[in-house]
Amino acid sequence: MFQEFEEVVLVVDIPEYGLEAGDVGTIVDLDKTGQQVTLEFFALNGRTLAVVPVPIQHVRMAGSNEIAHVRLIG
């Protein structure tokens, strides 16, 4: 279903990392069981903001009619 280096959308907030549902992350690792992915979140300048393992059900594919939105992260 998902592949490494694919961009996906977070569907839950992860407040301890300052992440919100709707944030776009890149899959950098797929758990062998298919139950978890590790996501990397970047600032627009390319700086890594967070690398977070999450259950697979906490992400979804981006839709073809969706647009990215910019916000500040604390």
N, C-alpha and C. Protein backbone atom coordinates (compact mmCIF):
# COMPACT_ATOMS: atom_id res chain seq x y z
N MET A 1 0.83 -1.19 0.00
CA MET A 1 0.00 0.00 0.00
C MET A 1 0.87 1.25 0.00
N PHE A 2 1.60 1.50 1.07
CA PHE A 2 2.50 2.66 1.14
C PHE A 2 3.91 2.25 0.73
N GLN A 3 4.70 3.24 0.28
CA GLN A 3 6.08 2.98 -0.10
C GLN A 3 7.00 4.00 0.55
N GLU A 4 8.28 3.62 0.74
CA GLU A 4 9.25 4.57 1.28
C GLU A 4 9.37 5.78 0.35
N PHE A 5 9.60 6.92 0.96
CA PHE A 5 9.77 8.22 0.31
C PHE A 5 8.49 8.77 -0.30
N GLU A 6 7.38 8.15 0.02
CA GLU A 6 6.08 8.65 -0.41
C GLU A 6 5.60 9.68 0.61
N GLU A 7 4.95 10.73 0.13
CA GLU A 7 4.37 11.72 1.04
C GLU A 7 2.97 11.29 1.41
N VAL A 8 2.67 11.39 2.72
CA VAL A 8 1.36 11.02 3.23
C VAL A 8 0.86 12.11 4.17
N VAL A 9 -0.41 12.03 4.51
CA VAL A 9 -1.05 13.04 5.35
C VAL A 9 -1.35 12.43 6.72
N LEU A 10 -0.96 13.15 7.75
CA LEU A 10 -1.25 12.74 9.12
C LEU A 10 -2.73 12.95 9.41
N VAL A 11 -3.40 12.00 10.04
CA VAL A 11 -4.83 12.12 10.31
C VAL A 11 -5.13 12.35 11.80
N VAL A 12 -4.10 12.43 12.61
CA VAL A 12 -4.25 12.71 14.05
C VAL A 12 -3.23 13.76 14.45
N ASP A 13 -3.52 14.48 15.53
CA ASP A 13 -2.54 15.40 16.11
C ASP A 13 -1.51 14.60 16.89
N ILE A 14 -0.27 15.06 16.87
CA ILE A 14 0.79 14.52 17.72
C ILE A 14 1.41 15.72 18.43
N PRO A 15 0.76 16.18 19.51
CA PRO A 15 1.15 17.44 20.16
C PRO A 15 2.57 17.45 20.70
N GLU A 16 3.10 16.29 21.12
CA GLU A 16 4.45 16.28 21.68
C GLU A 16 5.51 16.63 20.64
N TYR A 17 5.15 16.57 19.35
CA TYR A 17 6.06 16.97 18.27
C TYR A 17 5.58 18.24 17.56
N GLY A 18 4.48 18.81 18.03
CA GLY A 18 3.94 20.00 17.40
C GLY A 18 3.25 19.72 16.07
N LEU A 19 2.88 18.47 15.84
CA LEU A 19 2.27 18.07 14.57
C LEU A 19 0.75 18.03 14.70
N GLU A 20 0.08 18.36 13.59
CA GLU A 20 -1.37 18.39 13.56
C GLU A 20 -1.89 17.55 12.41
N ALA A 21 -3.11 17.06 12.57
CA ALA A 21 -3.77 16.36 11.47
C ALA A 21 -3.75 17.27 10.25
N GLY A 22 -3.42 16.69 9.11
CA GLY A 22 -3.31 17.46 7.88
C GLY A 22 -1.88 17.77 7.49
N ASP A 23 -0.93 17.64 8.44
CA ASP A 23 0.48 17.85 8.11
C ASP A 23 0.95 16.75 7.16
N VAL A 24 1.83 17.12 6.24
CA VAL A 24 2.35 16.19 5.24
C VAL A 24 3.73 15.72 5.67
N GLY A 25 3.92 14.42 5.72
CA GLY A 25 5.21 13.83 6.08
C GLY A 25 5.67 12.86 5.00
N THR A 26 6.94 12.55 5.04
CA THR A 26 7.53 11.60 4.09
C THR A 26 7.84 10.29 4.80
N ILE A 27 7.42 9.19 4.23
CA ILE A 27 7.72 7.88 4.81
C ILE A 27 9.21 7.60 4.63
N VAL A 28 9.91 7.40 5.74
CA VAL A 28 11.34 7.07 5.66
C VAL A 28 11.63 5.64 6.09
N ASP A 29 10.63 4.96 6.66
CA ASP A 29 10.80 3.56 7.03
C ASP A 29 9.44 2.90 7.14
N LEU A 30 9.36 1.68 6.65
CA LEU A 30 8.16 0.86 6.77
C LEU A 30 8.46 -0.31 7.68
N ASP A 31 7.65 -0.48 8.71
CA ASP A 31 7.78 -1.63 9.60
C ASP A 31 7.54 -2.91 8.80
N LYS A 32 8.31 -3.93 9.09
CA LYS A 32 8.18 -5.20 8.37
C LYS A 32 6.79 -5.82 8.50
N THR A 33 6.11 -5.53 9.61
CA THR A 33 4.78 -6.09 9.82
C THR A 33 3.70 -5.31 9.08
N GLY A 34 4.04 -4.12 8.58
CA GLY A 34 3.06 -3.29 7.89
C GLY A 34 2.14 -2.53 8.82
N GLN A 35 2.45 -2.54 10.11
CA GLN A 35 1.60 -1.89 11.10
C GLN A 35 2.06 -0.48 11.49
N GLN A 36 3.27 -0.11 11.09
CA GLN A 36 3.83 1.18 11.51
C GLN A 36 4.71 1.75 10.40
N VAL A 37 4.70 3.09 10.31
CA VAL A 37 5.61 3.79 9.41
C VAL A 37 6.36 4.84 10.22
N THR A 38 7.56 5.17 9.78
CA THR A 38 8.28 6.29 10.37
C THR A 38 8.23 7.43 9.38
N LEU A 39 7.78 8.59 9.86
CA LEU A 39 7.61 9.76 9.01
C LEU A 39 8.63 10.82 9.36
N GLU A 40 9.10 11.54 8.35
CA GLU A 40 9.95 12.69 8.56
C GLU A 40 9.16 13.91 8.08
N PHE A 41 9.16 14.94 8.92
CA PHE A 41 8.47 16.18 8.62
C PHE A 41 9.51 17.28 8.42
N PHE A 42 9.37 18.03 7.34
CA PHE A 42 10.34 19.04 6.96
C PHE A 42 9.73 20.44 6.99
N ALA A 43 10.57 21.44 7.33
CA ALA A 43 10.21 22.84 7.11
C ALA A 43 10.40 23.13 5.62
N LEU A 44 9.88 24.24 5.15
CA LEU A 44 9.99 24.56 3.73
C LEU A 44 11.43 24.80 3.30
N ASN A 45 12.32 25.11 4.24
CA ASN A 45 13.73 25.30 3.89
C ASN A 45 14.51 23.98 3.86
N GLY A 46 13.81 22.85 4.09
CA GLY A 46 14.44 21.54 4.04
C GLY A 46 14.91 21.01 5.38
N ARG A 47 14.83 21.83 6.42
CA ARG A 47 15.26 21.40 7.76
C ARG A 47 14.29 20.37 8.32
N THR A 48 14.83 19.31 8.89
CA THR A 48 13.99 18.29 9.52
C THR A 48 13.41 18.83 10.81
N LEU A 49 12.09 18.73 10.95
CA LEU A 49 11.40 19.17 12.17
C LEU A 49 11.13 18.02 13.12
N ALA A 50 10.84 16.85 12.58
CA ALA A 50 10.53 15.70 13.43
C ALA A 50 10.65 14.42 12.62
N VAL A 51 11.08 13.36 13.28
CA VAL A 51 11.06 12.00 12.73
C VAL A 51 10.27 11.18 13.74
N VAL A 52 9.12 10.66 13.30
CA VAL A 52 8.16 10.09 14.23
C VAL A 52 7.62 8.74 13.73
N PRO A 53 7.72 7.69 14.54
CA PRO A 53 7.04 6.44 14.17
C PRO A 53 5.56 6.55 14.54
N VAL A 54 4.70 6.14 13.62
CA VAL A 54 3.26 6.20 13.88
C VAL A 54 2.58 4.93 13.36
N PRO A 55 1.48 4.54 13.99
CA PRO A 55 0.70 3.41 13.45
C PRO A 55 0.20 3.75 12.05
N ILE A 56 0.12 2.76 11.20
CA ILE A 56 -0.27 2.95 9.81
C ILE A 56 -1.64 3.62 9.69
N GLN A 57 -2.52 3.39 10.65
CA GLN A 57 -3.86 3.97 10.56
C GLN A 57 -3.87 5.47 10.88
N HIS A 58 -2.73 6.04 11.26
CA HIS A 58 -2.63 7.47 11.54
C HIS A 58 -2.21 8.29 10.33
N VAL A 59 -2.10 7.63 9.17
CA VAL A 59 -1.75 8.34 7.94
C VAL A 59 -2.69 7.92 6.81
N ARG A 60 -2.75 8.76 5.79
CA ARG A 60 -3.53 8.44 4.59
C ARG A 60 -2.82 9.03 3.38
N MET A 61 -3.21 8.56 2.22
CA MET A 61 -2.69 9.10 0.97
C MET A 61 -3.28 10.50 0.77
N ALA A 62 -2.54 11.37 0.11
CA ALA A 62 -3.07 12.68 -0.24
C ALA A 62 -4.01 12.53 -1.43
N GLY A 63 -5.09 13.30 -1.41
CA GLY A 63 -6.04 13.27 -2.52
C GLY A 63 -5.59 14.16 -3.67
N SER A 64 -6.04 13.87 -4.86
CA SER A 64 -5.61 14.61 -6.05
C SER A 64 -6.15 16.04 -6.08
N ASN A 65 -7.17 16.34 -5.30
CA ASN A 65 -7.74 17.69 -5.27
C ASN A 65 -7.42 18.44 -3.99
N GLU A 66 -6.37 18.02 -3.28
CA GLU A 66 -5.98 18.67 -2.03
C GLU A 66 -4.82 19.62 -2.28
N ILE A 67 -4.72 20.63 -1.40
CA ILE A 67 -3.66 21.61 -1.51
C ILE A 67 -2.92 21.68 -0.17
N ALA A 68 -1.61 21.86 -0.21
CA ALA A 68 -0.83 21.99 1.02
C ALA A 68 -1.08 23.36 1.63
N HIS A 69 -0.94 23.46 2.93
CA HIS A 69 -1.16 24.70 3.67
C HIS A 69 0.04 24.94 4.57
N VAL A 70 0.46 26.18 4.69
CA VAL A 70 1.64 26.50 5.49
C VAL A 70 1.20 27.04 6.85
N ARG A 71 1.93 26.62 7.92
CA ARG A 71 1.69 27.14 9.27
C ARG A 71 3.01 27.13 10.02
N LEU A 72 3.09 27.94 11.07
CA LEU A 72 4.26 27.95 11.93
C LEU A 72 4.20 26.79 12.90
N ILE A 73 5.33 26.23 13.21
CA ILE A 73 5.40 25.16 14.20
C ILE A 73 6.26 25.65 15.35
N GLY A 74 5.79 25.39 16.56
CA GLY A 74 6.45 25.92 17.75
C GLY A 74 7.62 25.15 18.15
